[in-house]
Amino acid sequence: MPHATLPQDRRPVVISGPSGVGKGTLFKKLFDAHKDCFALSVSHTTRQPRAGEAHGVDYYYVTPEAFESLIAADGFVEHAKFGSNRYGTSKQTIADQTAKGRVVVLDIEMESGIVQGVKQIKNSGIEARYVFVKPPSFEELEKRLRGRGTETEESVVKRLEQAKVELKFADTPGVHDIIIVNDDVEKAYKELEDFIYKPVA
């Protein structure tokens, strides 16, 4: 498929899946294969930047007051609280990227809560397409999470508990347009690309 060919369906693509399932790898492949066609939606957060993170690249770092103002103005398609911090995807961010002619990809991660996030986007009135990325098995997911070596035991347990809820939610009929099992990255990517570039009937 040639570079810079936009999909016929320009609606935002919401991609969710439990932590450690390999969504980031799939995004990267999509963005590398189709330069300037897609934009990853950058979320707002009230947490402080970590070392190496940049405002407007990793997150938009805002004060709790600014975040509350956006909620009051109905400025988010989805938002949630995780720990003592808030995370959210603003409608303006999606509109800005769409105006640039890009298809927006929303990565709903554990920090904003997949179940709540997907439900909120569906209720926000934004037309979108929904993809869920599943691990080949729960055991494999646990292996991947532990294999990262970046999480504390408490964090791994918390993420696995969350994953159980998310996997159960993914099985609800009609919630997602497609469920991709990431047991082979190339195969999973092909499924994702075929879905996104499916001709509009």
C-alpha atoms as a PDB file:
ATOM      1  CA  MET A   1       0.000   0.000   0.000  1.00  0.00           C
ATOM      2  CA  PRO A   2       1.589   3.348  -0.978  1.00  0.00           C
ATOM      3  CA  HIS A   3       2.577   5.887   1.647  1.00  0.00           C
ATOM      4  CA  ALA A   4       0.269   8.733   2.543  1.00  0.00           C
ATOM      5  CA  THR A   5      -2.877   6.967   1.364  1.00  0.00           C
ATOM      6  CA  LEU A   6      -5.607   7.898   3.781  1.00  0.00           C
ATOM      7  CA  PRO A   7      -8.247   5.318   4.636  1.00  0.00           C
ATOM      8  CA  GLN A   8     -11.660   5.962   3.057  1.00  0.00           C
ATOM      9  CA  ASP A   9     -13.197   5.898   6.514  1.00  0.00           C
ATOM     10  CA  ARG A  10     -11.791   8.963   8.316  1.00  0.00           C
ATOM     11  CA  ARG A  11     -13.485   8.385  11.666  1.00  0.00           C
ATOM     12  CA  PRO A  12     -11.188   8.246  14.690  1.00  0.00           C
ATOM     13  CA  VAL A  13      -9.998   4.753  15.605  1.00  0.00           C
ATOM     14  CA  VAL A  14     -10.230   3.848  19.290  1.00  0.00           C
ATOM     15  CA  ILE A  15      -7.741   1.117  20.170  1.00  0.00           C
ATOM     16  CA  SER A  16      -7.891  -0.463  23.593  1.00  0.00           C
ATOM     17  CA  GLY A  17      -6.485  -3.527  25.260  1.00  0.00           C
ATOM     18  CA  PRO A  18      -4.899  -4.493  28.560  1.00  0.00           C
ATOM     19  CA  SER A  19      -1.500  -3.217  29.596  1.00  0.00           C
ATOM     20  CA  GLY A  20       1.284  -5.364  28.085  1.00  0.00           C
ATOM     21  CA  VAL A  21      -0.741  -6.589  25.109  1.00  0.00           C
ATOM     22  CA  GLY A  22       1.505  -4.853  22.559  1.00  0.00           C
ATOM     23  CA  LYS A  23      -0.669  -1.993  21.328  1.00  0.00           C
ATOM     24  CA  GLY A  24       2.306   0.366  21.145  1.00  0.00           C
ATOM     25  CA  THR A  25       4.099  -1.912  18.687  1.00  0.00           C
ATOM     26  CA  LEU A  26       1.010  -2.042  16.463  1.00  0.00           C
ATOM     27  CA  PHE A  27       0.633   1.781  16.518  1.00  0.00           C
ATOM     28  CA  LYS A  28       4.267   2.230  15.593  1.00  0.00           C
ATOM     29  CA  LYS A  29       3.951  -0.132  12.629  1.00  0.00           C
ATOM     30  CA  LEU A  30       0.830   1.671  11.413  1.00  0.00           C
ATOM     31  CA  PHE A  31       2.411   5.121  11.736  1.00  0.00           C
ATOM     32  CA  ASP A  32       5.665   3.993  10.083  1.00  0.00           C
ATOM     33  CA  ALA A  33       3.869   2.334   7.170  1.00  0.00           C
ATOM     34  CA  HIS A  34       1.557   5.275   6.479  1.00  0.00           C
ATOM     35  CA  LYS A  35       3.492   8.471   7.105  1.00  0.00           C
ATOM     36  CA  ASP A  36       1.407  11.563   7.883  1.00  0.00           C
ATOM     37  CA  CYS A  37      -1.898   9.711   7.646  1.00  0.00           C
ATOM     38  CA  PHE A  38      -2.482   9.151  11.346  1.00  0.00           C
ATOM     39  CA  ALA A  39      -2.103  11.097  14.572  1.00  0.00           C
ATOM     40  CA  LEU A  40      -2.024   9.615  18.041  1.00  0.00           C
ATOM     41  CA  SER A  41      -4.329  11.568  20.292  1.00  0.00           C
ATOM     42  CA  VAL A  42      -2.320  13.177  23.102  1.00  0.00           C
ATOM     43  CA  SER A  43      -4.154  13.031  26.427  1.00  0.00           C
ATOM     44  CA  HIS A  44      -4.404  15.698  29.101  1.00  0.00           C
ATOM     45  CA  THR A  45      -3.203  14.824  32.584  1.00  0.00           C
ATOM     46  CA  THR A  46      -2.814  16.510  35.954  1.00  0.00           C
ATOM     47  CA  ARG A  47       0.263  14.457  36.846  1.00  0.00           C
ATOM     48  CA  GLN A  48       3.759  15.896  36.652  1.00  0.00           C
ATOM     49  CA  PRO A  49       5.947  15.065  33.624  1.00  0.00           C
ATOM     50  CA  ARG A  50       8.406  12.219  34.146  1.00  0.00           C
ATOM     51  CA  ALA A  51      12.026  12.471  33.051  1.00  0.00           C
ATOM     52  CA  GLY A  52      12.258  12.666  29.266  1.00  0.00           C
ATOM     53  CA  GLU A  53       8.570  13.444  28.724  1.00  0.00           C
ATOM     54  CA  ALA A  54       7.519  16.531  26.786  1.00  0.00           C
ATOM     55  CA  HIS A  55       4.391  18.693  26.954  1.00  0.00           C
ATOM     56  CA  GLY A  56       2.263  18.175  23.874  1.00  0.00           C
ATOM     57  CA  VAL A  57       4.143  14.999  22.923  1.00  0.00           C
ATOM     58  CA  ASP A  58       3.545  12.543  25.755  1.00  0.00           C
ATOM     59  CA  TYR A  59       0.738  14.435  27.438  1.00  0.00           C
ATOM     60  CA  TYR A  60      -0.656  17.910  27.845  1.00  0.00           C
ATOM     61  CA  TYR A  61       0.256  18.638  31.463  1.00  0.00           C
ATOM     62  CA  VAL A  62      -2.380  20.840  33.057  1.00  0.00           C
ATOM     63  CA  THR A  63      -3.356  21.979  36.532  1.00  0.00           C
ATOM     64  CA  PRO A  64      -6.250  20.237  38.309  1.00  0.00           C
ATOM     65  CA  GLU A  65      -8.173  23.540  37.975  1.00  0.00           C
ATOM     66  CA  ALA A  66      -7.678  23.648  34.200  1.00  0.00           C
ATOM     67  CA  PHE A  67      -8.770  20.009  33.966  1.00  0.00           C
ATOM     68  CA  GLU A  68     -11.926  20.713  35.978  1.00  0.00           C
ATOM     69  CA  SER A  69     -12.710  23.671  33.698  1.00  0.00           C
ATOM     70  CA  LEU A  70     -12.474  21.415  30.636  1.00  0.00           C
ATOM     71  CA  ILE A  71     -14.816  18.879  32.252  1.00  0.00           C
ATOM     72  CA  ALA A  72     -17.276  21.674  33.054  1.00  0.00           C
ATOM     73  CA  ALA A  73     -17.118  22.867  29.441  1.00  0.00           C
ATOM     74  CA  ASP A  74     -17.801  19.323  28.184  1.00  0.00           C
ATOM     75  CA  GLY A  75     -14.352  19.411  26.586  1.00  0.00           C
ATOM     76  CA  PHE A  76     -13.462  15.719  26.920  1.00  0.00           C
ATOM     77  CA  VAL A  77     -14.585  12.660  24.983  1.00  0.00           C
ATOM     78  CA  GLU A  78     -13.406  10.582  27.931  1.00  0.00           C
ATOM     79  CA  HIS A  79     -11.705  11.244  31.241  1.00  0.00           C
ATOM     80  CA  ALA A  80     -10.975   9.340  34.407  1.00  0.00           C
ATOM     81  CA  LYS A  81      -9.126   9.456  37.671  1.00  0.00           C
ATOM     82  CA  PHE A  82      -6.308   7.016  38.298  1.00  0.00           C
ATOM     83  CA  GLY A  83      -4.638   7.214  41.689  1.00  0.00           C
ATOM     84  CA  SER A  84      -4.531  10.901  42.559  1.00  0.00           C
ATOM     85  CA  ASN A  85      -4.230  12.056  38.942  1.00  0.00           C
ATOM     86  CA  ARG A  86      -6.714  12.711  36.179  1.00  0.00           C
ATOM     87  CA  TYR A  87      -6.388  11.706  32.519  1.00  0.00           C
ATOM     88  CA  GLY A  88      -8.560  12.658  29.577  1.00  0.00           C
ATOM     89  CA  THR A  89      -8.852  12.973  25.792  1.00  0.00           C
ATOM     90  CA  SER A  90     -10.007  16.400  24.668  1.00  0.00           C
ATOM     91  CA  LYS A  91     -12.443  16.981  21.823  1.00  0.00           C
ATOM     92  CA  GLN A  92     -10.272  19.879  20.622  1.00  0.00           C
ATOM     93  CA  THR A  93      -7.240  17.614  20.173  1.00  0.00           C
ATOM     94  CA  ILE A  94      -9.255  15.277  17.952  1.00  0.00           C
ATOM     95  CA  ALA A  95     -10.717  18.213  15.986  1.00  0.00           C
ATOM     96  CA  ASP A  96      -7.262  19.790  15.461  1.00  0.00           C
ATOM     97  CA  GLN A  97      -5.734  16.614  14.040  1.00  0.00           C
ATOM     98  CA  THR A  98      -8.792  15.839  11.901  1.00  0.00           C
ATOM     99  CA  ALA A  99      -8.557  19.374  10.484  1.00  0.00           C
ATOM    100  CA  LYS A 100      -4.961  18.586   9.435  1.00  0.00           C
ATOM    101  CA  GLY A 101      -6.342  15.720   7.367  1.00  0.00           C
ATOM    102  CA  ARG A 102      -5.200  12.977   9.700  1.00  0.00           C
ATOM    103  CA  VAL A 103      -7.112  10.036  11.069  1.00  0.00           C
ATOM    104  CA  VAL A 104      -6.927  10.227  14.853  1.00  0.00           C
ATOM    105  CA  VAL A 105      -5.963   7.096  16.773  1.00  0.00           C
ATOM    106  CA  LEU A 106      -7.039   7.043  20.419  1.00  0.00           C
ATOM    107  CA  ASP A 107      -5.102   4.796  22.735  1.00  0.00           C
ATOM    108  CA  ILE A 108      -7.340   4.054  25.697  1.00  0.00           C
ATOM    109  CA  GLU A 109      -5.002   2.803  28.351  1.00  0.00           C
ATOM    110  CA  MET A 110      -5.389   1.400  31.784  1.00  0.00           C
ATOM    111  CA  GLU A 111      -4.656   4.740  33.402  1.00  0.00           C
ATOM    112  CA  SER A 112      -7.934   6.145  32.182  1.00  0.00           C
ATOM    113  CA  GLY A 113      -9.769   2.845  32.521  1.00  0.00           C
ATOM    114  CA  ILE A 114     -10.663   1.066  29.298  1.00  0.00           C
ATOM    115  CA  VAL A 115     -14.200   0.109  30.224  1.00  0.00           C
ATOM    116  CA  GLN A 116     -15.138   3.629  31.330  1.00  0.00           C
ATOM    117  CA  GLY A 117     -13.167   5.243  28.519  1.00  0.00           C
ATOM    118  CA  VAL A 118     -14.858   3.287  25.746  1.00  0.00           C
ATOM    119  CA  LYS A 119     -18.309   3.840  27.265  1.00  0.00           C
ATOM    120  CA  GLN A 120     -17.670   7.575  27.590  1.00  0.00           C
ATOM    121  CA  ILE A 121     -16.493   7.927  23.985  1.00  0.00           C
ATOM    122  CA  LYS A 122     -19.568   6.044  22.789  1.00  0.00           C
ATOM    123  CA  ASN A 123     -21.711   8.496  24.769  1.00  0.00           C
ATOM    124  CA  SER A 124     -19.796  11.599  23.630  1.00  0.00           C
ATOM    125  CA  GLY A 125     -21.452  11.720  20.240  1.00  0.00           C
ATOM    126  CA  ILE A 126     -18.152  11.294  18.401  1.00  0.00           C
ATOM    127  CA  GLU A 127     -18.383   8.817  15.551  1.00  0.00           C
ATOM    128  CA  ALA A 128     -15.541   6.332  15.959  1.00  0.00           C
ATOM    129  CA  ARG A 129     -14.406   2.810  15.188  1.00  0.00           C
ATOM    130  CA  TYR A 130     -13.469   0.475  18.030  1.00  0.00           C
ATOM    131  CA  VAL A 131     -10.627  -2.047  18.082  1.00  0.00           C
ATOM    132  CA  PHE A 132      -9.728  -4.266  21.039  1.00  0.00           C
ATOM    133  CA  VAL A 133      -6.344  -6.001  21.182  1.00  0.00           C
ATOM    134  CA  LYS A 134      -6.344  -9.251  23.149  1.00  0.00           C
ATOM    135  CA  PRO A 135      -3.435 -11.354  24.404  1.00  0.00           C
ATOM    136  CA  PRO A 136      -3.309 -14.979  23.155  1.00  0.00           C
ATOM    137  CA  SER A 137      -3.982 -16.010  26.771  1.00  0.00           C
ATOM    138  CA  PHE A 138      -4.095 -14.527  30.244  1.00  0.00           C
ATOM    139  CA  GLU A 139      -0.925 -16.471  31.131  1.00  0.00           C
ATOM    140  CA  GLU A 140       0.902 -14.939  28.162  1.00  0.00           C
ATOM    141  CA  LEU A 141      -0.179 -11.446  29.249  1.00  0.00           C
ATOM    142  CA  GLU A 142       1.152 -12.082  32.742  1.00  0.00           C
ATOM    143  CA  LYS A 143       4.434 -13.322  31.257  1.00  0.00           C
ATOM    144  CA  ARG A 144       4.763 -10.194  29.093  1.00  0.00           C
ATOM    145  CA  LEU A 145       4.004  -7.847  31.985  1.00  0.00           C
ATOM    146  CA  ARG A 146       6.507  -9.553  34.263  1.00  0.00           C
ATOM    147  CA  GLY A 147       9.032  -9.760  31.433  1.00  0.00           C
ATOM    148  CA  ARG A 148       9.110  -5.963  31.136  1.00  0.00           C
ATOM    149  CA  GLY A 149      10.843  -5.766  34.494  1.00  0.00           C
ATOM    150  CA  THR A 150       9.551  -2.213  34.918  1.00  0.00           C
ATOM    151  CA  GLU A 151       6.677  -2.921  37.282  1.00  0.00           C
ATOM    152  CA  THR A 152       6.545  -3.634  40.983  1.00  0.00           C
ATOM    153  CA  GLU A 153       4.758  -6.836  42.029  1.00  0.00           C
ATOM    154  CA  GLU A 154       1.900  -4.706  43.361  1.00  0.00           C
ATOM    155  CA  SER A 155       1.617  -2.910  40.021  1.00  0.00           C
ATOM    156  CA  VAL A 156       1.655  -6.195  38.043  1.00  0.00           C
ATOM    157  CA  VAL A 157      -1.112  -7.631  40.233  1.00  0.00           C
ATOM    158  CA  LYS A 158      -3.161  -4.440  39.848  1.00  0.00           C
ATOM    159  CA  ARG A 159      -2.743  -4.449  36.049  1.00  0.00           C
ATOM    160  CA  LEU A 160      -3.697  -8.128  35.830  1.00  0.00           C
ATOM    161  CA  GLU A 161      -6.826  -7.549  37.923  1.00  0.00           C
ATOM    162  CA  GLN A 162      -7.729  -4.675  35.608  1.00  0.00           C
ATOM    163  CA  ALA A 163      -7.031  -6.870  32.560  1.00  0.00           C
ATOM    164  CA  LYS A 164      -9.557  -9.481  33.754  1.00  0.00           C
ATOM    165  CA  VAL A 165     -12.279  -6.819  33.851  1.00  0.00           C
ATOM    166  CA  GLU A 166     -11.259  -5.450  30.449  1.00  0.00           C
ATOM    167  CA  LEU A 167     -11.144  -8.859  28.746  1.00  0.00           C
ATOM    168  CA  LYS A 168     -14.599  -9.661  30.094  1.00  0.00           C
ATOM    169  CA  PHE A 169     -15.879  -6.284  28.838  1.00  0.00           C
ATOM    170  CA  ALA A 170     -14.372  -6.951  25.390  1.00  0.00           C
ATOM    171  CA  ASP A 171     -16.556 -10.050  25.093  1.00  0.00           C
ATOM    172  CA  THR A 172     -19.711  -7.933  25.365  1.00  0.00           C
ATOM    173  CA  PRO A 173     -21.403  -8.159  21.950  1.00  0.00           C
ATOM    174  CA  GLY A 174     -21.431  -4.949  19.941  1.00  0.00           C
ATOM    175  CA  VAL A 175     -18.903  -3.004  22.007  1.00  0.00           C
ATOM    176  CA  HIS A 176     -16.007  -3.307  19.552  1.00  0.00           C
ATOM    177  CA  ASP A 177     -15.992  -3.441  15.766  1.00  0.00           C
ATOM    178  CA  ILE A 178     -13.102  -5.900  15.734  1.00  0.00           C
ATOM    179  CA  ILE A 179     -11.124  -7.915  18.271  1.00  0.00           C
ATOM    180  CA  ILE A 180      -7.544  -8.725  17.305  1.00  0.00           C
ATOM    181  CA  VAL A 181      -5.601 -11.433  19.134  1.00  0.00           C
ATOM    182  CA  ASN A 182      -1.964 -10.392  19.269  1.00  0.00           C
ATOM    183  CA  ASP A 183      -0.243 -13.778  19.200  1.00  0.00           C
ATOM    184  CA  ASP A 184       1.841 -12.873  16.145  1.00  0.00           C
ATOM    185  CA  VAL A 185       2.718  -9.189  15.637  1.00  0.00           C
ATOM    186  CA  GLU A 186       2.798  -9.311  11.819  1.00  0.00           C
ATOM    187  CA  LYS A 187      -0.539 -11.121  11.658  1.00  0.00           C
ATOM    188  CA  ALA A 188      -2.128  -8.804  14.230  1.00  0.00           C
ATOM    189  CA  TYR A 189      -0.826  -5.745  12.369  1.00  0.00           C
ATOM    190  CA  LYS A 190      -2.199  -7.007   9.046  1.00  0.00           C
ATOM    191  CA  GLU A 191      -5.632  -7.440  10.661  1.00  0.00           C
ATOM    192  CA  LEU A 192      -5.478  -3.919  12.088  1.00  0.00           C
ATOM    193  CA  GLU A 193      -4.376  -2.374   8.799  1.00  0.00           C
ATOM    194  CA  ASP A 194      -7.004  -4.284   6.793  1.00  0.00           C
ATOM    195  CA  PHE A 195      -9.696  -3.135   9.203  1.00  0.00           C
ATOM    196  CA  ILE A 196      -8.653   0.535   9.134  1.00  0.00           C
ATOM    197  CA  TYR A 197      -8.296   0.552   5.334  1.00  0.00           C
ATOM    198  CA  LYS A 198     -11.471  -1.402   4.678  1.00  0.00           C
ATOM    199  CA  PRO A 199     -13.320   0.337   1.779  1.00  0.00           C
ATOM    200  CA  VAL A 200     -16.451   2.204   2.799  1.00  0.00           C
ATOM    201  CA  ALA A 201     -19.454   0.307   1.491  1.00  0.00           C
END
